[in-house]
Amino acid sequence: QVRYIVRRVDIVPNASMDLVAIKSACPVSAQRIVAVLEQMEGDELMQDTLLDHHGQYKGVEVQQWVSQHRLGNDYWRIKVFSVGDHNSPLKYRIIYAYILPNSFYPKGSFLVLGIVHRSEFNYEHDNRYTQRFHEDMERYS
């Protein structure tokens, strides 16, 4: 019998608040995002994809946040696609960090830093969300 070891997934309080706001603004998007977050936690194949620049897996597309990687921050983003006939991308992106393996989590862990509307987030260093992500990494990693 094969035993899979999945990586832990934690969601910072700011990201939880992002999701609450999305539930009010667009419940259908929120449902899809929750499904992806649940899949992140329990699906080892998806977790492997979460560390693959330009990875694709069951309705998500992953990219490394290259400018932050150059600065030493292991940040990534997930573009979530709708389910059904259209398969169009949602207007929200899940931003997360990979935390290196340690004695508690031998495969490492993921820290969801935010769920942001693409029109409010430009991946620039001085963006308010980028600053929030840095602060949350300091606080929760």
Protein backbone atom coordinates (compact mmCIF):
# COMPACT_ATOMS: atom_id res chain seq x y z
CA GLN A 1 0.00 0.00 0.00
CA VAL A 2 1.36 3.39 -1.03
CA ARG A 3 1.11 6.18 1.52
CA TYR A 4 1.06 9.66 0.08
CA ILE A 5 2.41 12.55 2.07
CA VAL A 6 0.64 15.77 1.23
CA ARG A 7 1.90 19.21 1.99
CA ARG A 8 0.07 21.27 4.57
CA VAL A 9 -2.00 24.20 3.32
CA ASP A 10 -2.64 27.17 5.60
CA ILE A 11 -4.70 30.24 4.78
CA VAL A 12 -3.74 33.52 6.45
CA PRO A 13 -6.58 35.57 7.99
CA ASN A 14 -6.31 38.28 5.31
CA ALA A 15 -6.88 35.67 2.60
CA SER A 16 -9.89 34.35 4.51
CA MET A 17 -11.27 37.88 4.60
CA ASP A 18 -10.65 38.16 0.85
CA LEU A 19 -12.77 35.08 0.36
CA VAL A 20 -15.58 36.46 2.52
CA ALA A 21 -15.65 39.59 0.35
CA ILE A 22 -15.72 37.48 -2.82
CA LYS A 23 -18.65 35.45 -1.45
CA SER A 24 -20.62 38.70 -1.22
CA ALA A 25 -19.55 40.02 -4.61
CA CYS A 26 -19.63 36.81 -6.65
CA PRO A 27 -20.87 33.66 -4.89
CA VAL A 28 -20.26 31.43 -7.94
CA SER A 29 -16.59 32.45 -8.10
CA ALA A 30 -16.28 31.96 -4.34
CA GLN A 31 -17.62 28.40 -4.60
CA ARG A 32 -15.11 27.55 -7.30
CA ILE A 33 -12.24 29.10 -5.31
CA VAL A 34 -13.23 27.14 -2.18
CA ALA A 35 -13.22 23.94 -4.25
CA VAL A 36 -9.70 24.73 -5.48
CA LEU A 37 -8.48 25.49 -1.94
CA GLU A 38 -9.89 22.16 -0.76
CA GLN A 39 -8.24 20.41 -3.68
CA MET A 40 -4.93 22.11 -2.82
CA GLU A 41 -5.08 20.55 0.61
CA GLY A 42 -5.83 16.96 -0.31
CA ASP A 43 -4.63 16.25 -3.84
CA GLU A 44 -0.95 15.31 -4.03
CA LEU A 45 -0.86 15.58 -7.82
CA MET A 46 -2.24 19.09 -7.64
CA GLN A 47 0.30 19.96 -4.98
CA ASP A 48 3.09 18.86 -7.30
CA THR A 49 1.60 21.11 -10.00
CA LEU A 50 1.64 24.04 -7.56
CA LEU A 51 5.44 24.01 -7.80
CA ASP A 52 5.57 23.82 -11.60
CA HIS A 53 5.94 27.14 -13.42
CA HIS A 54 3.22 27.12 -16.11
CA GLY A 55 1.67 24.05 -14.49
CA GLN A 56 -1.90 23.08 -15.38
CA TYR A 57 -4.17 20.73 -13.51
CA LYS A 58 -7.95 20.23 -13.45
CA GLY A 59 -9.10 23.78 -14.14
CA VAL A 60 -6.18 25.71 -12.70
CA GLU A 61 -3.08 27.27 -14.17
CA VAL A 62 -0.02 27.95 -12.02
CA GLN A 63 2.72 30.50 -12.51
CA GLN A 64 5.68 31.45 -10.48
CA TRP A 65 5.75 35.13 -9.49
CA VAL A 66 9.09 35.60 -11.19
CA SER A 67 9.92 39.12 -9.98
CA GLN A 68 9.40 38.01 -6.36
CA HIS A 69 11.43 34.85 -6.89
CA ARG A 70 14.32 37.02 -8.01
CA LEU A 71 14.03 38.81 -4.65
CA GLY A 72 14.08 35.50 -2.75
CA ASN A 73 10.32 35.17 -2.14
CA ASP A 74 8.82 31.86 -3.20
CA TYR A 75 5.47 33.32 -4.32
CA TRP A 76 3.12 31.75 -6.86
CA ARG A 77 -0.29 32.45 -8.35
CA ILE A 78 -3.17 30.27 -9.40
CA LYS A 79 -5.50 31.29 -12.18
CA VAL A 80 -8.77 29.45 -11.58
CA PHE A 81 -11.03 28.54 -14.49
CA SER A 82 -14.79 28.14 -14.36
CA VAL A 83 -16.26 24.69 -14.65
CA GLY A 84 -18.62 23.79 -17.44
CA ASP A 85 -19.04 24.80 -21.04
CA HIS A 86 -17.06 28.02 -20.98
CA ASN A 87 -13.91 27.16 -19.02
CA SER A 88 -13.09 30.85 -18.81
CA PRO A 89 -10.73 32.24 -16.17
CA LEU A 90 -12.25 33.76 -13.06
CA LYS A 91 -11.42 37.38 -12.29
CA TYR A 92 -9.61 36.34 -9.11
CA ARG A 93 -6.12 34.97 -8.49
CA ILE A 94 -4.99 32.90 -5.55
CA ILE A 95 -1.57 34.02 -4.33
CA TYR A 96 0.43 31.60 -2.20
CA ALA A 97 3.92 30.92 -0.97
CA TYR A 98 5.82 27.67 -0.75
CA ILE A 99 7.45 27.06 2.63
CA LEU A 100 10.52 24.83 2.48
CA PRO A 101 10.48 21.38 4.08
CA ASN A 102 11.20 21.09 7.78
CA SER A 103 10.98 18.42 10.46
CA PHE A 104 7.21 18.89 10.81
CA TYR A 105 6.44 19.00 7.08
CA PRO A 106 9.01 16.90 5.20
CA LYS A 107 7.54 17.92 1.82
CA GLY A 108 7.10 21.57 2.77
CA SER A 109 3.85 23.49 3.01
CA PHE A 110 1.81 26.14 1.24
CA LEU A 111 0.65 29.42 2.71
CA VAL A 112 -2.27 31.10 0.93
CA LEU A 113 -1.57 34.83 1.19
CA GLY A 114 -4.49 36.29 -0.70
CA ILE A 115 -7.29 35.94 -3.20
CA VAL A 116 -7.28 39.09 -5.27
CA HIS A 117 -9.24 40.54 -8.15
CA ARG A 118 -6.96 40.78 -11.15
CA SER A 119 -7.93 44.41 -11.80
CA GLU A 120 -6.72 45.43 -8.31
CA PHE A 121 -3.42 43.60 -8.39
CA ASN A 122 -0.58 44.22 -10.84
CA TYR A 123 2.22 42.12 -9.28
CA GLU A 124 4.33 45.25 -8.75
CA HIS A 125 6.45 45.56 -5.64
CA ASP A 126 4.66 48.71 -4.43
CA ASN A 127 1.13 47.31 -4.85
CA ARG A 128 -0.80 47.30 -1.56
CA TYR A 129 -1.44 43.58 -1.86
CA THR A 130 2.22 42.81 -2.42
CA GLN A 131 3.04 44.72 0.76
CA ARG A 132 0.33 42.82 2.62
CA PHE A 133 1.71 39.49 1.38
CA HIS A 134 5.18 40.37 2.66
CA GLU A 135 3.78 41.34 6.06
CA ASP A 136 1.75 38.13 6.29
CA MET A 137 4.77 36.02 5.31
CA GLU A 138 6.73 37.61 8.15
CA ARG A 139 3.87 37.01 10.56
CA TYR A 140 2.76 33.48 9.61
CA SER A 141 5.68 31.58 8.10
